[in-house]
Protein backbone atom coordinates (compact mmCIF):
# COMPACT_ATOMS: atom_id res chain seq x y z
CA UNK A 1 221.95 143.03 116.45
CA UNK A 2 219.83 140.31 114.84
CA UNK A 3 217.37 141.92 112.46
CA UNK A 4 214.14 140.16 111.51
CA UNK A 5 213.44 139.37 107.87
CA UNK A 6 211.22 141.80 106.01
CA UNK A 7 209.32 142.31 102.77
CA UNK A 8 208.37 145.56 101.03
CA UNK A 9 204.94 145.66 99.37
CA UNK A 10 205.10 147.90 96.31
CA UNK A 11 202.79 148.64 93.39
CA UNK A 12 202.87 150.28 89.96
CA UNK A 13 200.57 153.06 91.20
CA UNK A 14 198.42 154.28 94.06
CA UNK A 15 195.05 152.56 94.29
CA UNK A 16 196.39 149.09 93.50
CA UNK A 17 195.29 147.64 96.84
CA UNK A 18 198.51 147.83 98.87
CA UNK A 19 196.87 148.92 102.11
CA UNK A 20 194.13 146.28 102.13
CA UNK A 21 196.62 143.53 101.26
CA UNK A 22 199.09 144.79 103.88
CA UNK A 23 196.37 144.67 106.55
CA UNK A 24 195.31 141.19 105.51
CA UNK A 25 198.88 139.90 105.49
CA UNK A 26 199.68 141.37 108.91
CA UNK A 27 196.53 139.94 110.48
CA UNK A 28 196.77 136.55 108.76
CA UNK A 29 200.44 136.08 109.66
CA UNK A 30 199.73 137.16 113.22
CA UNK A 31 196.90 134.63 113.43
CA UNK A 32 199.45 131.95 112.53
CA UNK A 33 201.48 132.87 115.59
CA UNK A 34 204.12 135.08 113.98
CA UNK A 35 205.24 138.26 115.69
CA UNK A 36 204.73 140.79 112.91
CA UNK A 37 205.87 144.39 112.70
CA UNK A 38 204.70 146.97 110.20
CA UNK A 39 206.28 149.90 108.42
CA UNK A 40 205.01 152.49 105.98
CA UNK A 41 207.16 154.18 103.36
CA UNK A 42 206.98 157.95 103.32
CA UNK A 43 205.06 160.67 105.16
CA UNK A 44 201.77 159.00 106.02
CA UNK A 45 199.83 159.05 109.28
CA UNK A 46 196.66 157.21 108.32
CA UNK A 47 197.89 153.86 106.98
CA UNK A 48 200.06 153.13 110.07
CA UNK A 49 196.98 153.40 112.30
CA UNK A 50 195.31 150.66 110.23
CA UNK A 51 198.54 148.64 110.43
CA UNK A 52 198.41 148.86 114.23
CA UNK A 53 194.94 147.32 114.28
CA UNK A 54 196.16 144.39 112.20
CA UNK A 55 199.59 143.86 113.77
CA UNK A 56 198.52 144.49 117.36
CA UNK A 57 200.97 147.32 117.94
CA UNK A 58 202.05 150.60 116.38
CA UNK A 59 204.36 150.55 113.38
CA UNK A 60 206.86 153.04 112.00
CA UNK A 61 207.40 155.27 108.98
CA UNK A 62 210.55 154.93 106.88
CA UNK A 63 211.55 157.82 104.65
CA UNK A 64 214.88 157.84 102.83
CA UNK A 65 214.52 161.50 101.80
CA UNK A 66 213.33 163.05 105.04
CA UNK A 67 215.39 160.94 107.46
CA UNK A 68 219.11 161.00 108.08
CA UNK A 69 220.68 157.60 107.33
CA UNK A 70 221.26 156.94 111.05
CA UNK A 71 217.62 157.68 111.86
CA UNK A 72 216.36 155.56 108.97
CA UNK A 73 218.42 152.49 109.84
CA UNK A 74 217.78 152.78 113.58
CA UNK A 75 214.02 152.81 112.98
CA UNK A 76 214.15 149.89 110.55
CA UNK A 77 216.26 147.82 112.92
CA UNK A 78 214.15 148.78 115.92
CA UNK A 79 210.97 147.69 114.19
CA UNK A 80 212.51 144.33 113.40
CA UNK A 81 214.15 143.72 116.77
CA UNK A 82 211.05 142.26 118.44
CA UNK A 83 209.46 140.68 115.36
CA UNK A 84 209.67 137.51 113.30
CA UNK A 85 208.73 139.36 110.11
CA UNK A 86 208.39 142.98 109.01
CA UNK A 87 205.79 143.91 106.39
CA UNK A 88 206.55 147.33 104.92
CA UNK A 89 203.88 149.02 102.79
CA UNK A 90 205.19 151.23 99.99
CA UNK A 91 203.95 154.60 98.82
CA UNK A 92 202.45 155.53 95.43
CA UNK A 93 204.20 153.64 92.62
CA UNK A 94 207.37 151.71 93.39
CA UNK A 95 209.66 154.19 91.63
CA UNK A 96 207.85 157.40 92.59
CA UNK A 97 209.82 159.80 94.76
CA UNK A 98 211.25 163.28 95.06
CA UNK A 99 213.11 164.95 92.20
CA UNK A 100 216.60 164.90 93.72
CA UNK A 101 220.11 164.34 92.41
CA UNK A 102 221.54 162.16 95.18
CA UNK A 103 219.21 159.16 94.69
CA UNK A 104 217.72 159.30 98.20
CA UNK A 105 214.32 160.12 96.77
CA UNK A 106 212.01 158.57 99.37
CA UNK A 107 210.63 156.06 96.87
CA UNK A 108 209.55 152.56 97.79
CA UNK A 109 212.37 151.16 95.64
CA UNK A 110 214.95 153.24 97.51
CA UNK A 111 213.62 152.06 100.88
CA UNK A 112 213.83 148.44 99.69
CA UNK A 113 217.40 148.98 98.51
CA UNK A 114 218.46 150.58 101.80
CA UNK A 115 216.83 147.96 104.05
CA UNK A 116 217.76 144.93 101.98
CA UNK A 117 214.16 143.70 102.11
CA UNK A 118 212.91 142.21 98.81
CA UNK A 119 209.88 143.58 96.99
CA UNK A 120 206.51 141.93 96.44
CA UNK A 121 204.61 143.81 93.75
CA UNK A 122 200.83 144.29 94.06
CA UNK A 123 199.27 144.61 90.59
CA UNK A 124 195.70 145.70 89.88
CA UNK A 125 194.69 143.41 86.99
CA UNK A 126 191.46 145.09 85.93
CA UNK A 127 191.37 145.35 82.14
CA UNK A 128 194.46 143.25 81.45
CA UNK A 129 195.87 139.73 81.69
CA UNK A 130 199.28 139.00 80.17
CA UNK A 131 200.09 142.69 80.37
CA UNK A 132 200.11 142.37 84.17
CA UNK A 133 203.13 140.08 83.89
CA UNK A 134 204.84 142.58 81.59
CA UNK A 135 204.37 145.25 84.25
CA UNK A 136 206.02 142.97 86.80
CA UNK A 137 208.89 142.33 84.37
CA UNK A 138 209.40 146.05 83.86
CA UNK A 139 209.59 146.80 87.57
CA UNK A 140 211.84 143.78 88.18
CA UNK A 141 214.35 145.16 85.65
CA UNK A 142 214.14 148.78 86.77
CA UNK A 143 216.03 148.56 90.08
CA UNK A 144 218.36 145.55 90.45
CA UNK A 145 219.24 146.82 93.93
CA UNK A 146 215.55 146.49 94.92
CA UNK A 147 214.76 143.00 93.62
CA UNK A 148 211.16 142.02 92.91
CA UNK A 149 210.84 138.53 94.41
CA UNK A 150 207.10 137.96 94.11
CA UNK A 151 203.80 139.38 92.97
CA UNK A 152 200.22 139.44 94.26
CA UNK A 153 197.61 140.06 91.60
CA UNK A 154 194.56 142.00 92.75
CA UNK A 155 191.03 142.22 91.32
CA UNK A 156 191.41 139.05 89.22
CA UNK A 157 188.22 138.17 87.32
CA UNK A 158 188.19 134.38 87.60
CA UNK A 159 190.07 131.14 86.88
CA UNK A 160 190.72 131.88 83.22
CA UNK A 161 192.02 135.34 84.06
CA UNK A 162 194.26 133.83 86.74
CA UNK A 163 195.66 131.17 84.37
CA UNK A 164 196.52 133.75 81.71
CA UNK A 165 198.36 135.93 84.22
CA UNK A 166 200.21 132.99 85.75
CA UNK A 167 201.32 131.64 82.37
CA UNK A 168 202.56 135.07 81.26
CA UNK A 169 204.43 135.58 84.52
CA UNK A 170 206.16 132.18 84.22
CA UNK A 171 207.23 133.07 80.68
CA UNK A 172 208.33 136.68 81.24
CA UNK A 173 209.57 136.53 84.85
CA UNK A 174 210.48 132.97 85.78
CA UNK A 175 212.29 134.20 88.89
CA UNK A 176 209.28 136.06 90.32
CA UNK A 177 206.85 133.99 92.39
CA UNK A 178 203.10 134.28 91.81
CA UNK A 179 202.01 134.49 95.43
CA UNK A 180 198.30 135.04 95.09
CA UNK A 181 195.30 136.10 93.01
CA UNK A 182 192.63 138.11 94.80
CA UNK A 183 189.16 138.55 93.32
CA UNK A 184 187.44 141.94 93.44
CA UNK A 185 186.44 142.60 97.05
CA UNK A 186 184.16 145.67 97.00
CA UNK A 187 182.95 144.89 100.51
CA UNK A 188 186.51 145.59 101.72
CA UNK A 189 186.84 149.02 100.14
CA UNK A 190 188.17 151.68 102.51
CA UNK A 191 186.44 155.11 102.37
CA UNK A 192 188.56 158.20 101.68
CA UNK A 193 188.46 161.94 102.24
CA UNK A 194 190.67 164.88 101.25
CA UNK A 195 193.87 163.74 103.03
CA UNK A 196 193.55 160.03 102.23
CA UNK A 197 191.69 157.18 103.88
CA UNK A 198 189.18 157.92 106.59
CA UNK A 199 191.03 157.36 109.86
CA UNK A 200 191.15 153.92 111.45
CA UNK A 201 189.60 155.28 114.65
CA UNK A 202 186.52 156.35 112.64
CA UNK A 203 185.90 152.94 111.05
CA UNK A 204 182.57 151.59 112.31
CA UNK A 205 183.90 148.05 112.94
CA UNK A 206 187.62 147.96 112.37
CA UNK A 207 188.17 144.59 114.05
CA UNK A 208 185.65 142.89 111.76
CA UNK A 209 187.13 144.62 108.72
CA UNK A 210 190.66 143.45 109.57
CA UNK A 211 189.40 139.92 110.21
CA UNK A 212 187.68 139.88 106.80
CA UNK A 213 190.84 141.13 105.11
CA UNK A 214 192.87 138.40 106.85
CA UNK A 215 190.38 135.74 105.75
CA UNK A 216 190.61 136.93 102.12
CA UNK A 217 194.40 136.81 102.20
CA UNK A 218 194.36 133.38 103.84
CA UNK A 219 192.14 132.08 101.02
CA UNK A 220 193.87 133.66 98.06
CA UNK A 221 197.57 134.15 98.96
CA UNK A 222 200.23 131.53 99.71
CA UNK A 223 201.32 132.83 103.10
CA UNK A 224 204.10 130.29 103.50
CA UNK A 225 205.61 131.26 100.15
CA UNK A 226 205.23 134.96 101.01
CA UNK A 227 207.05 134.60 104.34
CA UNK A 228 209.78 132.47 102.76
CA UNK A 229 210.77 135.38 100.49
CA UNK A 230 211.66 137.64 103.42
CA UNK A 231 215.29 138.57 104.01
CA UNK A 232 216.99 140.16 107.03
CA UNK A 233 217.59 143.87 106.94
CA UNK A 234 220.63 145.91 107.86
CA UNK A 235 221.38 146.23 111.61
CA UNK A 236 221.81 149.57 113.37
CA UNK A 237 223.54 150.30 116.64
CA UNK A 238 221.68 153.30 118.12
CA UNK A 239 218.10 154.24 118.90
CA UNK A 240 216.55 156.93 116.73
CA UNK A 241 216.05 160.44 118.12
CA UNK A 242 214.79 162.54 115.22
CA UNK A 243 213.67 165.78 116.92
CA UNK A 244 214.80 167.59 120.07
CA UNK A 245 212.28 167.35 122.95
CA UNK A 246 210.14 170.44 123.46
CA UNK A 247 210.43 169.95 127.24
CA UNK A 248 210.66 167.33 129.94
CA UNK A 249 206.90 166.94 130.52
CA UNK A 250 205.22 167.20 127.13
CA UNK A 251 201.43 167.26 126.86
CA UNK A 252 200.51 165.71 123.49
CA UNK A 253 197.05 166.18 121.97
CA UNK A 254 195.73 162.87 120.72
CA UNK A 255 192.28 162.16 119.31
CA UNK A 256 190.48 162.14 115.95
CA UNK A 257 191.12 165.87 115.48
CA UNK A 258 194.84 165.66 116.32
CA UNK A 259 196.04 162.22 115.25
CA UNK A 260 198.87 163.02 112.84
CA UNK A 261 202.05 162.46 114.82
CA UNK A 262 204.93 160.12 114.11
CA UNK A 263 205.74 157.31 116.49
CA UNK A 264 209.45 158.05 115.97
CA UNK A 265 208.98 161.59 117.28
CA UNK A 266 207.25 160.49 120.48
CA UNK A 267 209.60 157.53 121.05
CA UNK A 268 212.58 159.80 120.42
CA UNK A 269 211.41 162.26 123.05
CA UNK A 270 210.94 159.43 125.52
CA UNK A 271 214.41 158.09 124.66
CA UNK A 272 215.83 161.46 125.65
CA UNK A 273 214.06 161.43 129.01
CA UNK A 274 210.84 163.30 128.30
CA UNK A 275 207.52 162.26 129.86
CA UNK A 276 204.57 162.15 127.45
CA UNK A 277 201.19 163.28 128.81
CA UNK A 278 198.36 162.57 126.33
CA UNK A 279 195.16 164.61 126.38
CA UNK A 280 192.08 164.91 124.17
CA UNK A 281 190.92 168.35 122.99
CA UNK A 282 187.73 166.77 121.58
CA UNK A 283 186.92 165.49 125.07
CA UNK A 284 187.50 169.06 126.34
CA UNK A 285 190.59 168.01 128.26
CA UNK A 286 193.19 170.65 129.09
CA UNK A 287 196.90 169.88 128.86
CA UNK A 288 198.44 168.84 132.18
CA UNK A 289 198.81 171.91 134.39
CA UNK A 290 202.39 171.00 135.30
CA UNK A 291 203.62 170.33 131.77
CA UNK A 292 206.45 172.45 130.40
CA UNK A 293 205.57 171.85 126.71
CA UNK A 294 202.44 171.24 124.63
CA UNK A 295 202.40 169.57 121.22
CA UNK A 296 199.37 169.90 118.96
CA UNK A 297 199.99 167.63 115.96
CA UNK A 298 198.10 167.72 112.70
CA UNK A 299 194.81 166.03 112.00
CA UNK A 300 191.30 167.15 111.12
CA UNK A 301 190.39 170.11 113.32
CA UNK A 302 188.45 171.53 110.36
CA UNK A 303 185.97 168.63 110.69
CA UNK A 304 185.48 169.36 114.40
CA UNK A 305 185.91 173.14 114.48
CA UNK A 306 182.56 173.92 116.12
CA UNK A 307 183.12 171.38 118.86
CA UNK A 308 186.68 172.58 119.50
CA UNK A 309 185.57 176.21 119.62
CA UNK A 310 183.02 175.30 122.30
CA UNK A 311 185.52 173.33 124.41
CA UNK A 312 186.53 176.01 126.88
CA UNK A 313 188.40 173.54 129.06
CA UNK A 314 190.79 172.77 126.22
CA UNK A 315 191.15 176.34 124.92
CA UNK A 316 191.47 177.96 128.36
CA UNK A 317 194.01 175.31 129.30
CA UNK A 318 196.15 176.36 126.35
CA UNK A 319 195.78 180.02 127.23
CA UNK A 320 196.77 179.41 130.85
CA UNK A 321 199.96 177.57 129.87
CA UNK A 322 202.03 180.74 129.82
CA UNK A 323 205.15 179.00 131.13
CA UNK A 324 205.04 176.19 128.56
CA UNK A 325 206.44 175.92 125.07
CA UNK A 326 203.49 175.35 122.70
CA UNK A 327 204.10 173.91 119.24
CA UNK A 328 201.45 173.23 116.60
CA UNK A 329 201.82 171.43 113.29
CA UNK A 330 199.31 171.85 110.45
CA UNK A 331 195.96 171.23 112.16
CA UNK A 332 197.56 172.14 115.48
CA UNK A 333 198.76 175.39 113.92
CA UNK A 334 195.21 176.22 112.82
CA UNK A 335 193.91 175.50 116.35
CA UNK A 336 196.45 177.89 117.86
CA UNK A 337 195.28 180.68 115.56
CA UNK A 338 192.47 183.16 115.95
CA UNK A 339 189.90 181.82 113.51
CA UNK A 340 189.27 178.61 111.56
CA UNK A 341 186.65 178.83 108.80
CA UNK A 342 185.08 175.44 108.10
CA UNK A 343 183.93 174.02 104.75
CA UNK A 344 180.50 175.64 105.14
CA UNK A 345 182.00 179.09 105.64
CA UNK A 346 181.33 179.29 109.38
CA UNK A 347 184.10 181.05 111.30
CA UNK A 348 185.07 179.41 114.60
CA UNK A 349 187.18 181.11 117.25
CA UNK A 350 190.25 179.10 118.14
CA UNK A 351 192.84 179.59 120.91
CA UNK A 352 194.02 182.98 119.64
CA UNK A 353 197.62 182.39 120.69
CA UNK A 354 198.99 183.04 117.21
CA UNK A 355 197.98 185.83 114.78
CA UNK A 356 196.72 183.33 112.21
CA UNK A 357 193.39 182.91 110.43
CA UNK A 358 192.75 179.92 108.17
CA UNK A 359 189.94 178.75 105.93
CA UNK A 360 188.88 175.32 104.79
CA UNK A 361 186.09 176.78 102.69
CA UNK A 362 188.61 178.24 100.24
CA UNK A 363 190.74 175.18 99.50
CA UNK A 364 194.27 175.36 98.20
CA UNK A 365 196.27 172.13 98.17
CA UNK A 366 199.84 172.25 99.42
CA UNK A 367 201.72 168.98 99.05
CA UNK A 368 205.38 168.02 99.06
CA UNK A 369 208.62 167.46 100.91
CA UNK A 370 210.11 170.50 102.62
CA UNK A 371 213.53 171.58 103.85
CA UNK A 372 213.30 174.03 106.74
CA UNK A 373 215.70 176.14 108.79
CA UNK A 374 214.88 177.98 112.02
CA UNK A 375 214.98 181.74 111.63
CA UNK A 376 215.69 182.41 115.34
CA UNK A 377 216.83 180.60 118.46
CA UNK A 378 214.06 178.71 120.25
CA UNK A 379 212.94 175.43 121.82
CA UNK A 380 213.54 173.53 118.57
CA UNK A 381 217.16 174.66 118.42
CA UNK A 382 219.41 177.52 117.46
CA UNK A 383 218.84 179.76 114.47
CA UNK A 384 219.86 177.90 111.33
CA UNK A 385 218.97 174.46 112.73
CA UNK A 386 217.78 172.46 109.73
CA UNK A 387 214.88 170.03 109.51
CA UNK A 388 213.20 167.92 106.89
CA UNK A 389 209.50 167.27 106.71
CA UNK A 390 206.45 167.49 104.52
CA UNK A 391 203.40 169.62 103.91
CA UNK A 392 199.96 168.26 102.99
CA UNK A 393 196.87 170.34 103.56
CA UNK A 394 194.00 172.04 101.78
CA UNK A 395 193.60 175.07 104.03
CA UNK A 396 194.07 178.65 102.87
CA UNK A 397 195.81 181.22 105.06
CA UNK A 398 193.62 184.30 105.37
CA UNK A 399 195.96 186.15 107.74
CA UNK A 400 199.36 185.39 109.19
CA UNK A 401 201.53 187.78 111.18
CA UNK A 402 204.14 187.61 113.93
CA UNK A 403 207.75 186.49 113.75
CA UNK A 404 208.24 183.91 110.99
CA UNK A 405 209.40 180.48 112.14
CA UNK A 406 211.10 178.68 109.23
CA UNK A 407 212.94 179.51 106.05
CA UNK A 408 211.62 176.96 103.57
CA UNK A 409 212.62 175.13 100.39
CA UNK A 410 211.24 172.18 98.47
CA UNK A 411 212.94 168.79 98.10
CA UNK A 412 215.16 170.02 95.27
CA UNK A 413 216.24 173.10 97.23
CA UNK A 414 214.09 175.67 95.45
CA UNK A 415 213.27 178.49 97.89
CA UNK A 416 209.69 178.86 99.08
CA UNK A 417 208.10 181.64 101.18
CA UNK A 418 208.84 181.49 104.93
CA UNK A 419 206.58 179.22 106.92
CA UNK A 420 204.74 179.53 110.19
CA UNK A 421 205.00 182.09 112.93
CA UNK A 422 205.99 182.51 116.54
CA UNK A 423 204.84 184.68 119.43
CA UNK A 424 207.04 184.17 122.47
CA UNK A 425 206.99 180.48 123.41
CA UNK A 426 204.05 179.70 121.10
CA UNK A 427 204.93 178.61 117.56
CA UNK A 428 203.70 176.56 114.66
CA UNK A 429 203.43 176.07 110.92
CA UNK A 430 201.78 173.85 108.33
CA UNK A 431 205.00 171.83 108.15
CA UNK A 432 205.11 168.31 109.62
CA UNK A 433 208.66 167.77 110.94
CA UNK A 434 210.19 164.32 110.43
CA UNK A 435 213.89 164.64 111.28
CA UNK A 436 216.72 167.07 111.70
CA UNK A 437 218.37 167.71 108.37
């Protein structure tokens, strides 16, 4: 298999401007006629939706901790198969990952090493000049197997600032190309909320925003030099199939309240012969009456709890699906429960299919990679079937009963309390599944 060249965009820390620069690069390269593909390192649902707006099609997530090697390489190769160039956005700082002994820590550096794609470092230069080059030099020396080939300097104050950075980079890192110097662009700031950026679907004029980002990159970054740094990745022979299908006709909730699902999961189900039937709970749509499985992914049901509680078509459709397997993750789990308390303290009745009550008024952050094992036979597999995934939410569980779904541990293997619950064919937890483990 011929694999398209790729580049990994990394940074010293979150907030350096990776997402904005990734969007601008994808859109600017696409405008030049290149077929671009996007990837995002780690467990992230929001950034890939922005990538899709810039690249013209949905991208993938790559996670060296949560994915088996075969899954990881199949997804990387699949993303590159129909592209001229892959732009992969990193997560947090380049070296930040899980505390594990085997090296597969999910960091941006590890993903670069596994794919063979070189790194371009994005550095926020506020409050420093020559020190920015020293930061690049430090990251270039830290992981020889994830070579830093270039740097883009963000929030540069002017020509003098640019010259100082460029001179220091040439002196400290003669092998690292200075690809661009972006000025502060406050008009291109992306708003955030508790789980990250506000979703792409909620942006008031996403097309204009992406076009402005592309124009800024076209003005301030050497696109030809950027593309010339790309290197082919490692080929893979098989398509990825991370999770077993829940059924053959799977109704999948998809709207602003239930947007957190991985492309690899849906594509994997299709690869194994399942038919995907999208529906919108916010539009009061019921899952297809003839489906044999329903998937409620995560999202922001807490922001739409009143509307969901009033949508009898959606809720009654769930309750009528007695012959279907129903699986909820995070926000989907809350929607399957009895009550969801919103940030104002108002209790909203949900589907009532699981003995669960949750509150967003009393916030308790849960964040991290998770290892999970099924506690009983079911649609996801036999008892003991292992999975890897992540947890990221601010909800508090007020009540939770029923048969527990998963035995749980963190990335290092430290045991955590059991997760989720199950009542017959209805099940869910706050865990977002990524791959079998």
